Amino acid sequence: MLRLEIFSTKGGVNIEVFKEIIKAGKISPPTLALMLTCIEHALGAYSDGVYRHAEFSDLARPRYVFHLESFKRIQDGAHTWANNFAINLYKLIIIQLLPL
């Protein structure tokens, strides 16, 4: 999802996020939390087994904060793992962008 939204369009409307990710060489915790929140929201639209449209809005903020705090707890307990995860996710996305 992150690859399609941010990298496939070389930023598009998300150019600032694109630039931040490229500069850091890893995916930041806020970006990870936002992506998890988006995925959770999309899956929730099918929670009854049938698609029900729901706007993605500020109502999702508590879930975003939950995901961000969860990742930060992981970082606190396993800093090296969390850093490697963020770097390796970035590398995986970059590799997928390369032509075959």
PDB file of N, CA and C in Angstrom:
ATOM      1  N   MET A   1       0.826  -1.187   0.000  1.00  0.00           N
ATOM      2  CA  MET A   1       0.000   0.000   0.000  1.00  0.00           C
ATOM      3  C   MET A   1       0.873   1.255   0.000  1.00  0.00           C
ATOM      4  N   LEU A   2       1.880   1.243   0.841  1.00  0.00           N
ATOM      5  CA  LEU A   2       2.786   2.392   0.915  1.00  0.00           C
ATOM      6  C   LEU A   2       3.503   2.592  -0.412  1.00  0.00           C
ATOM      7  N   ARG A   3       3.936   1.495  -1.008  1.00  0.00           N
ATOM      8  CA  ARG A   3       4.628   1.585  -2.302  1.00  0.00           C
ATOM      9  C   ARG A   3       3.715   2.207  -3.347  1.00  0.00           C
ATOM     10  N   LEU A   4       2.471   1.759  -3.394  1.00  0.00           N
ATOM     11  CA  LEU A   4       1.540   2.286  -4.396  1.00  0.00           C
ATOM     12  C   LEU A   4       1.169   3.739  -4.138  1.00  0.00           C
ATOM     13  N   GLU A   5       0.939   4.087  -2.900  1.00  0.00           N
ATOM     14  CA  GLU A   5       0.459   5.431  -2.573  1.00  0.00           C
ATOM     15  C   GLU A   5       1.557   6.490  -2.645  1.00  0.00           C
ATOM     16  N   ILE A   6       2.729   6.178  -2.159  1.00  0.00           N
ATOM     17  CA  ILE A   6       3.783   7.187  -2.045  1.00  0.00           C
ATOM     18  C   ILE A   6       4.819   7.080  -3.158  1.00  0.00           C
ATOM     19  N   PHE A   7       5.265   5.870  -3.462  1.00  0.00           N
ATOM     20  CA  PHE A   7       6.405   5.707  -4.352  1.00  0.00           C
ATOM     21  C   PHE A   7       6.052   5.569  -5.826  1.00  0.00           C
ATOM     22  N   SER A   8       4.957   4.935  -6.148  1.00  0.00           N
ATOM     23  CA  SER A   8       4.619   4.715  -7.551  1.00  0.00           C
ATOM     24  C   SER A   8       4.350   6.012  -8.287  1.00  0.00           C
ATOM     25  N   THR A   9       3.915   7.024  -7.565  1.00  0.00           N
ATOM     26  CA  THR A   9       3.639   8.319  -8.185  1.00  0.00           C
ATOM     27  C   THR A   9       4.763   9.317  -7.906  1.00  0.00           C
ATOM     28  N   LYS A  10       5.856   8.836  -7.351  1.00  0.00           N
ATOM     29  CA  LYS A  10       6.995   9.686  -6.971  1.00  0.00           C
ATOM     30  C   LYS A  10       6.518  10.828  -6.070  1.00  0.00           C
ATOM     31  N   GLY A  11       5.565  10.514  -5.225  1.00  0.00           N
ATOM     32  CA  GLY A  11       5.096  11.501  -4.261  1.00  0.00           C
ATOM     33  C   GLY A  11       3.717  12.025  -4.566  1.00  0.00           C
ATOM     34  N   GLY A  12       3.491  12.531  -5.770  1.00  0.00           N
ATOM     35  CA  GLY A  12       2.189  13.107  -6.097  1.00  0.00           C
ATOM     36  C   GLY A  12       1.778  14.121  -5.052  1.00  0.00           C
ATOM     37  N   VAL A  13       0.560  13.975  -4.549  1.00  0.00           N
ATOM     38  CA  VAL A  13       0.083  14.888  -3.519  1.00  0.00           C
ATOM     39  C   VAL A  13       0.798  14.633  -2.194  1.00  0.00           C
ATOM     40  N   ASN A  14       1.488  13.506  -2.092  1.00  0.00           N
ATOM     41  CA  ASN A  14       2.214  13.155  -0.871  1.00  0.00           C
ATOM     42  C   ASN A  14       3.714  13.440  -1.011  1.00  0.00           C
ATOM     43  N   ILE A  15       4.062  14.449  -1.759  1.00  0.00           N
ATOM     44  CA  ILE A  15       5.466  14.716  -2.079  1.00  0.00           C
ATOM     45  C   ILE A  15       6.322  14.943  -0.833  1.00  0.00           C
ATOM     46  N   GLU A  16       5.776  15.589   0.176  1.00  0.00           N
ATOM     47  CA  GLU A  16       6.566  15.835   1.388  1.00  0.00           C
ATOM     48  C   GLU A  16       6.889  14.533   2.110  1.00  0.00           C
ATOM     49  N   VAL A  17       5.921  13.616   2.162  1.00  0.00           N
ATOM     50  CA  VAL A  17       6.168  12.314   2.778  1.00  0.00           C
ATOM     51  C   VAL A  17       7.203  11.555   1.951  1.00  0.00           C
ATOM     52  N   PHE A  18       7.069  11.593   0.646  1.00  0.00           N
ATOM     53  CA  PHE A  18       8.021  10.944  -0.263  1.00  0.00           C
ATOM     54  C   PHE A  18       9.440  11.450  -0.005  1.00  0.00           C
ATOM     55  N   LYS A  19       9.601  12.770   0.050  1.00  0.00           N
ATOM     56  CA  LYS A  19      10.923  13.358   0.280  1.00  0.00           C
ATOM     57  C   LYS A  19      11.482  12.954   1.645  1.00  0.00           C
ATOM     58  N   GLU A  20      10.627  12.948   2.663  1.00  0.00           N
ATOM     59  CA  GLU A  20      11.054  12.577   4.015  1.00  0.00           C
ATOM     60  C   GLU A  20      11.551  11.133   4.049  1.00  0.00           C
ATOM     61  N   ILE A  21      10.803  10.243   3.411  1.00  0.00           N
ATOM     62  CA  ILE A  21      11.178   8.822   3.399  1.00  0.00           C
ATOM     63  C   ILE A  21      12.487   8.617   2.654  1.00  0.00           C
ATOM     64  N   ILE A  22      12.630   9.241   1.508  1.00  0.00           N
ATOM     65  CA  ILE A  22      13.867   9.097   0.720  1.00  0.00           C
ATOM     66  C   ILE A  22      15.049   9.631   1.516  1.00  0.00           C
ATOM     67  N   LYS A  23      14.903  10.790   2.136  1.00  0.00           N
ATOM     68  CA  LYS A  23      15.985  11.393   2.905  1.00  0.00           C
ATOM     69  C   LYS A  23      16.393  10.510   4.091  1.00  0.00           C
ATOM     70  N   ALA A  24      15.404   9.947   4.791  1.00  0.00           N
ATOM     71  CA  ALA A  24      15.686   9.128   5.977  1.00  0.00           C
ATOM     72  C   ALA A  24      16.194   7.734   5.613  1.00  0.00           C
ATOM     73  N   GLY A  25      15.783   7.230   4.459  1.00  0.00           N
ATOM     74  CA  GLY A  25      16.173   5.876   4.069  1.00  0.00           C
ATOM     75  C   GLY A  25      15.464   4.813   4.894  1.00  0.00           C
ATOM     76  N   LYS A  26      14.322   5.181   5.466  1.00  0.00           N
ATOM     77  CA  LYS A  26      13.511   4.238   6.229  1.00  0.00           C
ATOM     78  C   LYS A  26      12.104   4.806   6.360  1.00  0.00           C
ATOM     79  N   ILE A  27      11.194   3.943   6.774  1.00  0.00           N
ATOM     80  CA  ILE A  27       9.805   4.347   6.949  1.00  0.00           C
ATOM     81  C   ILE A  27       9.619   4.764   8.407  1.00  0.00           C
ATOM     82  N   SER A  28       9.141   5.979   8.626  1.00  0.00           N
ATOM     83  CA  SER A  28       9.017   6.508   9.985  1.00  0.00           C
ATOM     84  C   SER A  28       7.829   5.889  10.723  1.00  0.00           C
ATOM     85  N   PRO A  29       7.881   5.891  12.051  1.00  0.00           N
ATOM     86  CA  PRO A  29       6.745   5.385  12.830  1.00  0.00           C
ATOM     87  C   PRO A  29       5.410   6.071  12.499  1.00  0.00           C
ATOM     88  N   PRO A  30       5.366   7.403  12.328  1.00  0.00           N
ATOM     89  CA  PRO A  30       4.077   8.005  11.971  1.00  0.00           C
ATOM     90  C   PRO A  30       3.534   7.507  10.629  1.00  0.00           C
ATOM     91  N   THR A  31       4.419   7.278   9.671  1.00  0.00           N
ATOM     92  CA  THR A  31       3.978   6.771   8.371  1.00  0.00           C
ATOM     93  C   THR A  31       3.468   5.337   8.504  1.00  0.00           C
ATOM     94  N   LEU A  32       4.185   4.519   9.275  1.00  0.00           N
ATOM     95  CA  LEU A  32       3.726   3.152   9.522  1.00  0.00           C
ATOM     96  C   LEU A  32       2.358   3.152  10.200  1.00  0.00           C
ATOM     97  N   ALA A  33       2.193   4.001  11.199  1.00  0.00           N
ATOM     98  CA  ALA A  33       0.922   4.071  11.929  1.00  0.00           C
ATOM     99  C   ALA A  33      -0.214   4.499  11.009  1.00  0.00           C
ATOM    100  N   LEU A  34       0.058   5.453  10.128  1.00  0.00           N
ATOM    101  CA  LEU A  34      -0.978   5.905   9.196  1.00  0.00           C
ATOM    102  C   LEU A  34      -1.359   4.787   8.239  1.00  0.00           C
ATOM    103  N   MET A  35      -0.374   4.066   7.725  1.00  0.00           N
ATOM    104  CA  MET A  35      -0.672   2.969   6.809  1.00  0.00           C
ATOM    105  C   MET A  35      -1.482   1.875   7.512  1.00  0.00           C
ATOM    106  N   LEU A  36      -1.114   1.538   8.739  1.00  0.00           N
ATOM    107  CA  LEU A  36      -1.870   0.534   9.487  1.00  0.00           C
ATOM    108  C   LEU A  36      -3.302   0.993   9.742  1.00  0.00           C
ATOM    109  N   THR A  37      -3.462   2.268  10.039  1.00  0.00           N
ATOM    110  CA  THR A  37      -4.796   2.818  10.274  1.00  0.00           C
ATOM    111  C   THR A  37      -5.637   2.756   9.002  1.00  0.00           C
ATOM    112  N   CYS A  38      -5.028   3.061   7.873  1.00  0.00           N
ATOM    113  CA  CYS A  38      -5.741   2.986   6.587  1.00  0.00           C
ATOM    114  C   CYS A  38      -6.166   1.556   6.274  1.00  0.00           C
ATOM    115  N   ILE A  39      -5.270   0.606   6.495  1.00  0.00           N
ATOM    116  CA  ILE A  39      -5.591  -0.803   6.242  1.00  0.00           C
ATOM    117  C   ILE A  39      -6.728  -1.255   7.157  1.00  0.00           C
ATOM    118  N   GLU A  40      -6.623  -0.904   8.429  1.00  0.00           N
ATOM    119  CA  GLU A  40      -7.656  -1.271   9.388  1.00  0.00           C
ATOM    120  C   GLU A  40      -9.003  -0.669   8.983  1.00  0.00           C
ATOM    121  N   HIS A  41      -8.985   0.576   8.548  1.00  0.00           N
ATOM    122  CA  HIS A  41     -10.213   1.252   8.124  1.00  0.00           C
ATOM    123  C   HIS A  41     -10.822   0.545   6.907  1.00  0.00           C
ATOM    124  N   ALA A  42      -9.984   0.195   5.942  1.00  0.00           N
ATOM    125  CA  ALA A  42     -10.467  -0.481   4.735  1.00  0.00           C
ATOM    126  C   ALA A  42     -11.062  -1.849   5.074  1.00  0.00           C
ATOM    127  N   LEU A  43     -10.399  -2.592   5.941  1.00  0.00           N
ATOM    128  CA  LEU A  43     -10.929  -3.895   6.348  1.00  0.00           C
ATOM    129  C   LEU A  43     -12.235  -3.743   7.121  1.00  0.00           C
ATOM    130  N   GLY A  44     -12.328  -2.686   7.912  1.00  0.00           N
ATOM    131  CA  GLY A  44     -13.537  -2.428   8.682  1.00  0.00           C
ATOM    132  C   GLY A  44     -14.755  -2.179   7.809  1.00  0.00           C
ATOM    133  N   ALA A  45     -14.527  -1.696   6.599  1.00  0.00           N
ATOM    134  CA  ALA A  45     -15.634  -1.452   5.680  1.00  0.00           C
ATOM    135  C   ALA A  45     -16.336  -2.758   5.292  1.00  0.00           C
ATOM    136  N   TYR A  46     -15.662  -3.891   5.505  1.00  0.00           N
ATOM    137  CA  TYR A  46     -16.229  -5.200   5.187  1.00  0.00           C
ATOM    138  C   TYR A  46     -16.507  -6.026   6.443  1.00  0.00           C
ATOM    139  N   SER A  47     -16.548  -5.399   7.597  1.00  0.00           N
ATOM    140  CA  SER A  47     -16.666  -6.128   8.861  1.00  0.00           C
ATOM    141  C   SER A  47     -17.938  -6.967   8.968  1.00  0.00           C
ATOM    142  N   ASP A  48     -18.993  -6.593   8.255  1.00  0.00           N
ATOM    143  CA  ASP A  48     -20.233  -7.359   8.256  1.00  0.00           C
ATOM    144  C   ASP A  48     -20.300  -8.331   7.085  1.00  0.00           C
ATOM    145  N   GLY A  49     -19.210  -8.442   6.322  1.00  0.00           N
ATOM    146  CA  GLY A  49     -19.196  -9.333   5.173  1.00  0.00           C
ATOM    147  C   GLY A  49     -19.694  -8.674   3.901  1.00  0.00           C
ATOM    148  N   VAL A  50     -20.156  -7.440   4.027  1.00  0.00           N
ATOM    149  CA  VAL A  50     -20.647  -6.664   2.894  1.00  0.00           C
ATOM    150  C   VAL A  50     -19.997  -5.290   2.978  1.00  0.00           C
ATOM    151  N   TYR A  51     -19.632  -4.735   1.838  1.00  0.00           N
ATOM    152  CA  TYR A  51     -18.989  -3.422   1.835  1.00  0.00           C
ATOM    153  C   TYR A  51     -19.957  -2.347   2.324  1.00  0.00           C
ATOM    154  N   ARG A  52     -19.470  -1.559   3.276  1.00  0.00           N
ATOM    155  CA  ARG A  52     -20.220  -0.395   3.774  1.00  0.00           C
ATOM    156  C   ARG A  52     -19.254   0.789   3.758  1.00  0.00           C
ATOM    157  N   HIS A  53     -19.583   1.754   2.915  1.00  0.00           N
ATOM    158  CA  HIS A  53     -18.712   2.924   2.781  1.00  0.00           C
ATOM    159  C   HIS A  53     -18.647   3.705   4.092  1.00  0.00           C
ATOM    160  N   ALA A  54     -17.428   4.070   4.456  1.00  0.00           N
ATOM    161  CA  ALA A  54     -17.208   4.922   5.635  1.00  0.00           C
ATOM    162  C   ALA A  54     -16.071   5.868   5.298  1.00  0.00           C
ATOM    163  N   GLU A  55     -16.300   7.142   5.461  1.00  0.00           N
ATOM    164  CA  GLU A  55     -15.266   8.141   5.191  1.00  0.00           C
ATOM    165  C   GLU A  55     -14.084   7.950   6.135  1.00  0.00           C
ATOM    166  N   PHE A  56     -12.899   8.123   5.609  1.00  0.00           N
ATOM    167  CA  PHE A  56     -11.697   8.126   6.442  1.00  0.00           C
ATOM    168  C   PHE A  56     -11.537   9.562   6.924  1.00  0.00           C
ATOM    169  N   SER A  57     -11.697   9.757   8.214  1.00  0.00           N
ATOM    170  CA  SER A  57     -11.706  11.118   8.741  1.00  0.00           C
ATOM    171  C   SER A  57     -10.967  11.169  10.072  1.00  0.00           C
ATOM    172  N   ASP A  58     -11.115  12.284  10.762  1.00  0.00           N
ATOM    173  CA  ASP A  58     -10.499  12.442  12.078  1.00  0.00           C
ATOM    174  C   ASP A  58     -11.009  11.430  13.094  1.00  0.00           C
ATOM    175  N   LEU A  59     -12.098  10.768  12.784  1.00  0.00           N
ATOM    176  CA  LEU A  59     -12.611   9.726  13.680  1.00  0.00           C
ATOM    177  C   LEU A  59     -11.634   8.550  13.780  1.00  0.00           C
ATOM    178  N   ALA A  60     -10.734   8.432  12.808  1.00  0.00           N
ATOM    179  CA  ALA A  60      -9.731   7.361  12.823  1.00  0.00           C
ATOM    180  C   ALA A  60      -8.530   7.722  13.702  1.00  0.00           C
ATOM    181  N   ARG A  61      -8.484   8.951  14.179  1.00  0.00           N
ATOM    182  CA  ARG A  61      -7.322   9.404  14.963  1.00  0.00           C
ATOM    183  C   ARG A  61      -6.997   8.522  16.164  1.00  0.00           C
ATOM    184  N   PRO A  62      -7.973   8.085  16.953  1.00  0.00           N
ATOM    185  CA  PRO A  62      -7.617   7.221  18.093  1.00  0.00           C
ATOM    186  C   PRO A  62      -6.905   5.934  17.670  1.00  0.00           C
ATOM    187  N   ARG A  63      -7.304   5.371  16.532  1.00  0.00           N
ATOM    188  CA  ARG A  63      -6.637   4.150  16.053  1.00  0.00           C
ATOM    189  C   ARG A  63      -5.220   4.474  15.570  1.00  0.00           C
ATOM    190  N   TYR A  64      -5.049   5.632  14.922  1.00  0.00           N
ATOM    191  CA  TYR A  64      -3.720   6.075  14.501  1.00  0.00           C
ATOM    192  C   TYR A  64      -2.809   6.205  15.728  1.00  0.00           C
ATOM    193  N   VAL A  65      -3.300   6.875  16.750  1.00  0.00           N
ATOM    194  CA  VAL A  65      -2.522   7.067  17.981  1.00  0.00           C
ATOM    195  C   VAL A  65      -2.204   5.711  18.608  1.00  0.00           C
ATOM    196  N   PHE A  66      -3.171   4.796  18.616  1.00  0.00           N
ATOM    197  CA  PHE A  66      -2.940   3.455  19.143  1.00  0.00           C
ATOM    198  C   PHE A  66      -1.794   2.765  18.398  1.00  0.00           C
ATOM    199  N   HIS A  67      -1.839   2.791  17.058  1.00  0.00           N
ATOM    200  CA  HIS A  67      -0.793   2.133  16.265  1.00  0.00           C
ATOM    201  C   HIS A  67       0.566   2.809  16.468  1.00  0.00           C
ATOM    202  N   LEU A  68       0.570   4.125  16.536  1.00  0.00           N
ATOM    203  CA  LEU A  68       1.826   4.857  16.742  1.00  0.00           C
ATOM    204  C   LEU A  68       2.421   4.521  18.101  1.00  0.00           C
ATOM    205  N   GLU A  69       1.609   4.553  19.134  1.00  0.00           N
ATOM    206  CA  GLU A  69       2.103   4.234  20.483  1.00  0.00           C
ATOM    207  C   GLU A  69       2.546   2.781  20.585  1.00  0.00           C
ATOM    208  N   SER A  70       1.850   1.889  19.906  1.00  0.00           N
ATOM    209  CA  SER A  70       2.239   0.473  19.908  1.00  0.00           C
ATOM    210  C   SER A  70       3.621   0.295  19.289  1.00  0.00           C
ATOM    211  N   PHE A  71       3.847   0.952  18.155  1.00  0.00           N
ATOM    212  CA  PHE A  71       5.160   0.825  17.517  1.00  0.00           C
ATOM    213  C   PHE A  71       6.247   1.468  18.381  1.00  0.00           C
ATOM    214  N   LYS A  72       5.917   2.570  19.016  1.00  0.00           N
ATOM    215  CA  LYS A  72       6.907   3.220  19.882  1.00  0.00           C
ATOM    216  C   LYS A  72       7.252   2.337  21.078  1.00  0.00           C
ATOM    217  N   ARG A  73       6.284   1.581  21.595  1.00  0.00           N
ATOM    218  CA  ARG A  73       6.586   0.628  22.671  1.00  0.00           C
ATOM    219  C   ARG A  73       7.518  -0.465  22.167  1.00  0.00           C
ATOM    220  N   ILE A  74       7.281  -0.921  20.949  1.00  0.00           N
ATOM    221  CA  ILE A  74       8.187  -1.910  20.348  1.00  0.00           C
ATOM    222  C   ILE A  74       9.581  -1.319  20.222  1.00  0.00           C
ATOM    223  N   GLN A  75       9.654  -0.077  19.750  1.00  0.00           N
ATOM    224  CA  GLN A  75      10.957   0.604  19.625  1.00  0.00           C
ATOM    225  C   GLN A  75      11.673   0.675  20.961  1.00  0.00           C
ATOM    226  N   ASP A  76      10.943   1.008  21.996  1.00  0.00           N
ATOM    227  CA  ASP A  76      11.550   1.126  23.329  1.00  0.00           C
ATOM    228  C   ASP A  76      12.116  -0.201  23.807  1.00  0.00           C
ATOM    229  N   GLY A  77      11.410  -1.285  23.510  1.00  0.00           N
ATOM    230  CA  GLY A  77      11.845  -2.590  23.978  1.00  0.00           C
ATOM    231  C   GLY A  77      12.809  -3.298  23.052  1.00  0.00           C
ATOM    232  N   ALA A  78      12.745  -2.967  21.778  1.00  0.00           N
ATOM    233  CA  ALA A  78      13.590  -3.652  20.781  1.00  0.00           C
ATOM    234  C   ALA A  78      14.008  -2.641  19.719  1.00  0.00           C
ATOM    235  N   HIS A  79      14.824  -1.675  20.142  1.00  0.00           N
ATOM    236  CA  HIS A  79      15.200  -0.567  19.262  1.00  0.00           C
ATOM    237  C   HIS A  79      15.857  -1.035  17.969  1.00  0.00           C
ATOM    238  N   THR A  80      16.792  -1.950  18.075  1.00  0.00           N
ATOM    239  CA  THR A  80      17.506  -2.423  16.880  1.00  0.00           C
ATOM    240  C   THR A  80      16.542  -3.095  15.916  1.00  0.00           C
ATOM    241  N   TRP A  81      15.655  -3.953  16.436  1.00  0.00           N
ATOM    242  CA  TRP A  81      14.689  -4.621  15.565  1.00  0.00           C
ATOM    243  C   TRP A  81      13.800  -3.594  14.867  1.00  0.00           C
ATOM    244  N   ALA A  82      13.261  -2.638  15.618  1.00  0.00           N
ATOM    245  CA  ALA A  82      12.356  -1.636  15.051  1.00  0.00           C
ATOM    246  C   ALA A  82      13.056  -0.801  13.984  1.00  0.00           C
ATOM    247  N   ASN A  83      14.299  -0.421  14.242  1.00  0.00           N
ATOM    248  CA  ASN A  83      15.058   0.359  13.258  1.00  0.00           C
ATOM    249  C   ASN A  83      15.317  -0.470  12.003  1.00  0.00           C
ATOM    250  N   ASN A  84      15.716  -1.729  12.191  1.00  0.00           N
ATOM    251  CA  ASN A  84      15.960  -2.602  11.044  1.00  0.00           C
ATOM    252  C   ASN A  84      14.681  -2.847  10.248  1.00  0.00           C
ATOM    253  N   PHE A  85      13.562  -2.989  10.940  1.00  0.00           N
ATOM    254  CA  PHE A  85      12.277  -3.167  10.264  1.00  0.00           C
ATOM    255  C   PHE A  85      11.985  -1.969   9.369  1.00  0.00           C
ATOM    256  N   ALA A  86      12.141  -0.758   9.899  1.00  0.00           N
ATOM    257  CA  ALA A  86      11.865   0.463   9.135  1.00  0.00           C
ATOM    258  C   ALA A  86      12.790   0.595   7.925  1.00  0.00           C
ATOM    259  N   ILE A  87      14.055   0.239   8.096  1.00  0.00           N
ATOM    260  CA  ILE A  87      15.028   0.300   6.994  1.00  0.00           C
ATOM    261  C   ILE A  87      14.731  -0.783   5.958  1.00  0.00           C
ATOM    262  N   ASN A  88      14.487  -2.008   6.431  1.00  0.00           N
ATOM    263  CA  ASN A  88      14.246  -3.119   5.506  1.00  0.00           C
ATOM    264  C   ASN A  88      12.937  -2.962   4.741  1.00  0.00           C
ATOM    265  N   LEU A  89      11.924  -2.381   5.367  1.00  0.00           N
ATOM    266  CA  LEU A  89      10.675  -2.107   4.657  1.00  0.00           C
ATOM    267  C   LEU A  89      10.930  -1.096   3.541  1.00  0.00           C
ATOM    268  N   TYR A  90      11.702  -0.076   3.838  1.00  0.00           N
ATOM    269  CA  TYR A  90      12.085   0.916   2.821  1.00  0.00           C
ATOM    270  C   TYR A  90      12.819   0.242   1.670  1.00  0.00           C
ATOM    271  N   LYS A  91      13.791  -0.594   1.987  1.00  0.00           N
ATOM    272  CA  LYS A  91      14.573  -1.280   0.948  1.00  0.00           C
ATOM    273  C   LYS A  91      13.684  -2.189   0.101  1.00  0.00           C
ATOM    274  N   LEU A  92      12.757  -2.892   0.735  1.00  0.00           N
ATOM    275  CA  LEU A  92      11.850  -3.771   0.005  1.00  0.00           C
ATOM    276  C   LEU A  92      11.016  -2.973  -0.995  1.00  0.00           C
ATOM    277  N   ILE A  93      10.526  -1.828  -0.576  1.00  0.00           N
ATOM    278  CA  ILE A  93       9.743  -0.982  -1.460  1.00  0.00           C
ATOM    279  C   ILE A  93      10.595  -0.490  -2.626  1.00  0.00           C
ATOM    280  N   ILE A  94      11.801  -0.052  -2.339  1.00  0.00           N
ATOM    281  CA  ILE A  94      12.694   0.452  -3.397  1.00  0.00           C
ATOM    282  C   ILE A  94      13.012  -0.652  -4.398  1.00  0.00           C
ATOM    283  N   ILE A  95      13.310  -1.851  -3.913  1.00  0.00           N
ATOM    284  CA  ILE A  95      13.626  -2.972  -4.791  1.00  0.00           C
ATOM    285  C   ILE A  95      12.435  -3.289  -5.701  1.00  0.00           C
ATOM    286  N   GLN A  96      11.229  -3.200  -5.175  1.00  0.00           N
ATOM    287  CA  GLN A  96      10.030  -3.497  -5.973  1.00  0.00           C
ATOM    288  C   GLN A  96       9.796  -2.447  -7.059  1.00  0.00           C
ATOM    289  N   LEU A  97      10.404  -1.290  -6.918  1.00  0.00           N
ATOM    290  CA  LEU A  97      10.245  -0.240  -7.920  1.00  0.00           C
ATOM    291  C   LEU A  97      11.187  -0.409  -9.101  1.00  0.00           C
ATOM    292  N   LEU A  98      12.251  -1.192  -8.905  1.00  0.00           N
ATOM    293  CA  LEU A  98      13.242  -1.365  -9.958  1.00  0.00           C
ATOM    294  C   LEU A  98      12.665  -2.187 -11.113  1.00  0.00           C
ATOM    295  N   PRO A  99      12.997  -1.801 -12.339  1.00  0.00           N
ATOM    296  CA  PRO A  99      12.512  -2.599 -13.489  1.00  0.00           C
ATOM    297  C   PRO A  99      13.155  -3.983 -13.471  1.00  0.00           C
ATOM    298  N   LEU A 100      12.422  -4.958 -13.969  1.00  0.00           N
ATOM    299  CA  LEU A 100      12.933  -6.341 -14.006  1.00  0.00           C
ATOM    300  C   LEU A 100      13.942  -6.537 -15.093  1.00  0.00           C
TER     301      LEU A 100
END
